[in-house]
Amino acid sequence: MTHPLVTSKPELHPASITIGIDVSKDHLDAARYPSGETVRVTNTRKGQTVLLRWIGDIQTVTRVVFEATGPYHRMLEERLALIGLPMVKVNPRQARRFAEAAGRLAKTDRVDAIMLGVRL
């Protein structure tokens, strides 16, 4: 028994976006991959609200990658979980080693945010 060849249009998926966030005591530096857009906000509830607005449509976000930085990432992690964004928490040392292996020797929060977004 043969089956007729069925042709269909490929399903169009919204662009998958990864957000990399470098977390420090005072600031959150975020980068959107693949576009490369970046933003810096304060690591406060108000700053995180600005960040979530910058992230925009959460349906297009595949994951948010951030460094585990003791008490400084916890409020961010809770807020991301509340709105249902998929998260990946990484070890800062491993993130730094990945950046170095990729040839990014400069150590800035912006570069770290970009590398976190590219990492996965």
C-alpha atoms as a PDB file:
ATOM      1  CA  MET A   1       0.000   0.000   0.000  1.00  0.00           C
ATOM      2  CA  THR A   2       1.403   3.349  -0.968  1.00  0.00           C
ATOM      3  CA  HIS A   3       0.634   6.657   0.605  1.00  0.00           C
ATOM      4  CA  PRO A   4       0.221   9.784  -1.431  1.00  0.00           C
ATOM      5  CA  LEU A   5       2.911  12.376  -0.939  1.00  0.00           C
ATOM      6  CA  VAL A   6       1.567  15.032   1.351  1.00  0.00           C
ATOM      7  CA  THR A   7       3.095  18.447   1.081  1.00  0.00           C
ATOM      8  CA  SER A   8       2.625  21.109   3.635  1.00  0.00           C
ATOM      9  CA  LYS A   9       4.083  24.442   4.449  1.00  0.00           C
ATOM     10  CA  PRO A  10       6.653  24.345   7.204  1.00  0.00           C
ATOM     11  CA  GLU A  11       5.364  25.602  10.507  1.00  0.00           C
ATOM     12  CA  LEU A  12       6.636  29.052  11.311  1.00  0.00           C
ATOM     13  CA  HIS A  13       7.899  29.315  14.860  1.00  0.00           C
ATOM     14  CA  PRO A  14       8.569  32.649  16.461  1.00  0.00           C
ATOM     15  CA  ALA A  15      12.246  33.402  16.757  1.00  0.00           C
ATOM     16  CA  SER A  16      13.692  31.759  19.812  1.00  0.00           C
ATOM     17  CA  ILE A  17      15.404  34.242  22.059  1.00  0.00           C
ATOM     18  CA  THR A  18      17.870  33.632  24.860  1.00  0.00           C
ATOM     19  CA  ILE A  19      18.442  36.281  27.504  1.00  0.00           C
ATOM     20  CA  GLY A  20      21.785  36.288  29.310  1.00  0.00           C
ATOM     21  CA  ILE A  21      21.960  38.198  32.592  1.00  0.00           C
ATOM     22  CA  ASP A  22      25.115  39.072  34.492  1.00  0.00           C
ATOM     23  CA  VAL A  23      24.100  39.573  38.126  1.00  0.00           C
ATOM     24  CA  SER A  24      25.972  41.817  40.532  1.00  0.00           C
ATOM     25  CA  LYS A  25      25.091  43.446  43.823  1.00  0.00           C
ATOM     26  CA  ASP A  26      24.133  46.767  42.230  1.00  0.00           C
ATOM     27  CA  HIS A  27      23.244  45.987  38.594  1.00  0.00           C
ATOM     28  CA  LEU A  28      21.798  43.476  36.188  1.00  0.00           C
ATOM     29  CA  ASP A  29      23.371  43.531  32.731  1.00  0.00           C
ATOM     30  CA  ALA A  30      21.233  41.700  30.198  1.00  0.00           C
ATOM     31  CA  ALA A  31      21.818  40.731  26.571  1.00  0.00           C
ATOM     32  CA  ARG A  32      19.336  39.374  24.049  1.00  0.00           C
ATOM     33  CA  TYR A  33      20.549  36.642  21.708  1.00  0.00           C
ATOM     34  CA  PRO A  34      20.629  36.551  18.712  1.00  0.00           C
ATOM     35  CA  SER A  35      20.071  40.311  18.231  1.00  0.00           C
ATOM     36  CA  GLY A  36      22.819  41.388  20.651  1.00  0.00           C
ATOM     37  CA  GLU A  37      20.748  44.141  22.276  1.00  0.00           C
ATOM     38  CA  THR A  38      21.856  44.955  25.819  1.00  0.00           C
ATOM     39  CA  VAL A  39      20.457  46.793  28.815  1.00  0.00           C
ATOM     40  CA  ARG A  40      21.692  47.646  32.313  1.00  0.00           C
ATOM     41  CA  VAL A  41      19.261  48.087  35.211  1.00  0.00           C
ATOM     42  CA  THR A  42      19.636  48.351  38.947  1.00  0.00           C
ATOM     43  CA  ASN A  43      19.366  45.114  40.898  1.00  0.00           C
ATOM     44  CA  THR A  44      16.225  46.275  42.697  1.00  0.00           C
ATOM     45  CA  ARG A  45      12.563  45.427  42.305  1.00  0.00           C
ATOM     46  CA  LYS A  46      12.071  48.568  40.195  1.00  0.00           C
ATOM     47  CA  GLY A  47      15.077  47.738  38.011  1.00  0.00           C
ATOM     48  CA  GLN A  48      13.848  44.176  37.525  1.00  0.00           C
ATOM     49  CA  THR A  49      10.471  45.536  36.394  1.00  0.00           C
ATOM     50  CA  VAL A  50      12.290  47.592  33.751  1.00  0.00           C
ATOM     51  CA  LEU A  51      14.208  44.451  32.740  1.00  0.00           C
ATOM     52  CA  LEU A  52      11.028  42.387  32.399  1.00  0.00           C
ATOM     53  CA  ARG A  53       9.505  45.089  30.173  1.00  0.00           C
ATOM     54  CA  TRP A  54      12.686  45.056  28.079  1.00  0.00           C
ATOM     55  CA  ILE A  55      12.455  41.265  27.726  1.00  0.00           C
ATOM     56  CA  GLY A  56       8.969  41.742  26.311  1.00  0.00           C
ATOM     57  CA  ASP A  57       6.918  38.875  24.919  1.00  0.00           C
ATOM     58  CA  ILE A  58       7.856  35.903  27.075  1.00  0.00           C
ATOM     59  CA  GLN A  59       6.386  33.486  24.516  1.00  0.00           C
ATOM     60  CA  THR A  60       9.415  34.055  22.272  1.00  0.00           C
ATOM     61  CA  VAL A  61      11.966  33.560  25.062  1.00  0.00           C
ATOM     62  CA  THR A  62      13.468  30.076  25.067  1.00  0.00           C
ATOM     63  CA  ARG A  63      15.475  30.580  28.247  1.00  0.00           C
ATOM     64  CA  VAL A  64      16.985  33.103  30.611  1.00  0.00           C
ATOM     65  CA  VAL A  65      20.543  32.284  31.665  1.00  0.00           C
ATOM     66  CA  PHE A  66      22.047  33.941  34.733  1.00  0.00           C
ATOM     67  CA  GLU A  67      24.858  33.402  37.185  1.00  0.00           C
ATOM     68  CA  ALA A  68      24.222  32.091  40.664  1.00  0.00           C
ATOM     69  CA  THR A  69      25.623  34.917  42.784  1.00  0.00           C
ATOM     70  CA  GLY A  70      24.542  34.141  46.314  1.00  0.00           C
ATOM     71  CA  PRO A  71      21.918  36.543  47.599  1.00  0.00           C
ATOM     72  CA  TYR A  72      22.114  38.861  44.571  1.00  0.00           C
ATOM     73  CA  HIS A  73      20.275  36.614  42.108  1.00  0.00           C
ATOM     74  CA  ARG A  74      17.484  35.350  44.376  1.00  0.00           C
ATOM     75  CA  MET A  75      14.903  38.104  43.880  1.00  0.00           C
ATOM     76  CA  LEU A  76      15.445  37.941  40.106  1.00  0.00           C
ATOM     77  CA  GLU A  77      15.046  34.164  40.127  1.00  0.00           C
ATOM     78  CA  GLU A  78      11.780  34.433  42.075  1.00  0.00           C
ATOM     79  CA  ARG A  79      10.353  37.032  39.686  1.00  0.00           C
ATOM     80  CA  LEU A  80      11.305  35.035  36.586  1.00  0.00           C
ATOM     81  CA  ALA A  81       9.694  31.932  38.093  1.00  0.00           C
ATOM     82  CA  LEU A  82       6.500  33.856  38.920  1.00  0.00           C
ATOM     83  CA  ILE A  83       5.939  34.812  35.299  1.00  0.00           C
ATOM     84  CA  GLY A  84       6.962  31.385  34.017  1.00  0.00           C
ATOM     85  CA  LEU A  85      10.165  32.151  32.154  1.00  0.00           C
ATOM     86  CA  PRO A  86      12.403  29.095  31.677  1.00  0.00           C
ATOM     87  CA  MET A  87      15.611  29.663  33.611  1.00  0.00           C
ATOM     88  CA  VAL A  88      19.117  28.259  33.669  1.00  0.00           C
ATOM     89  CA  LYS A  89      21.287  29.135  36.659  1.00  0.00           C
ATOM     90  CA  VAL A  90      24.994  28.673  35.969  1.00  0.00           C
ATOM     91  CA  ASN A  91      28.135  28.645  38.046  1.00  0.00           C
ATOM     92  CA  PRO A  92      29.966  31.995  37.548  1.00  0.00           C
ATOM     93  CA  ARG A  93      33.356  30.292  37.339  1.00  0.00           C
ATOM     94  CA  GLN A  94      32.168  27.992  34.552  1.00  0.00           C
ATOM     95  CA  ALA A  95      30.619  30.944  32.718  1.00  0.00           C
ATOM     96  CA  ARG A  96      33.936  32.800  32.907  1.00  0.00           C
ATOM     97  CA  ARG A  97      35.869  29.774  31.651  1.00  0.00           C
ATOM     98  CA  PHE A  98      33.435  29.415  28.747  1.00  0.00           C
ATOM     99  CA  ALA A  99      33.983  33.073  27.811  1.00  0.00           C
ATOM    100  CA  GLU A 100      37.768  32.613  27.944  1.00  0.00           C
ATOM    101  CA  ALA A 101      37.567  29.473  25.808  1.00  0.00           C
ATOM    102  CA  ALA A 102      35.524  31.433  23.272  1.00  0.00           C
ATOM    103  CA  GLY A 103      38.275  34.045  23.134  1.00  0.00           C
ATOM    104  CA  ARG A 104      36.503  36.696  25.231  1.00  0.00           C
ATOM    105  CA  LEU A 105      39.284  37.711  27.555  1.00  0.00           C
ATOM    106  CA  ALA A 106      37.793  41.062  28.529  1.00  0.00           C
ATOM    107  CA  LYS A 107      35.956  40.920  31.835  1.00  0.00           C
ATOM    108  CA  THR A 108      33.012  43.287  31.777  1.00  0.00           C
ATOM    109  CA  ASP A 109      29.448  42.758  32.905  1.00  0.00           C
ATOM    110  CA  ARG A 110      28.162  43.475  29.389  1.00  0.00           C
ATOM    111  CA  VAL A 111      30.491  40.881  27.836  1.00  0.00           C
ATOM    112  CA  ASP A 112      29.501  38.368  30.506  1.00  0.00           C
ATOM    113  CA  ALA A 113      25.788  38.931  29.771  1.00  0.00           C
ATOM    114  CA  ILE A 114      26.381  38.406  26.055  1.00  0.00           C
ATOM    115  CA  MET A 115      28.348  35.217  26.670  1.00  0.00           C
ATOM    116  CA  LEU A 116      25.660  33.848  28.998  1.00  0.00           C
ATOM    117  CA  GLY A 117      23.101  34.327  26.237  1.00  0.00           C
ATOM    118  CA  VAL A 118      25.261  32.549  23.679  1.00  0.00           C
ATOM    119  CA  ARG A 119      26.318  29.788  26.027  1.00  0.00           C
ATOM    120  CA  LEU A 120      23.405  27.405  25.649  1.00  0.00           C
END
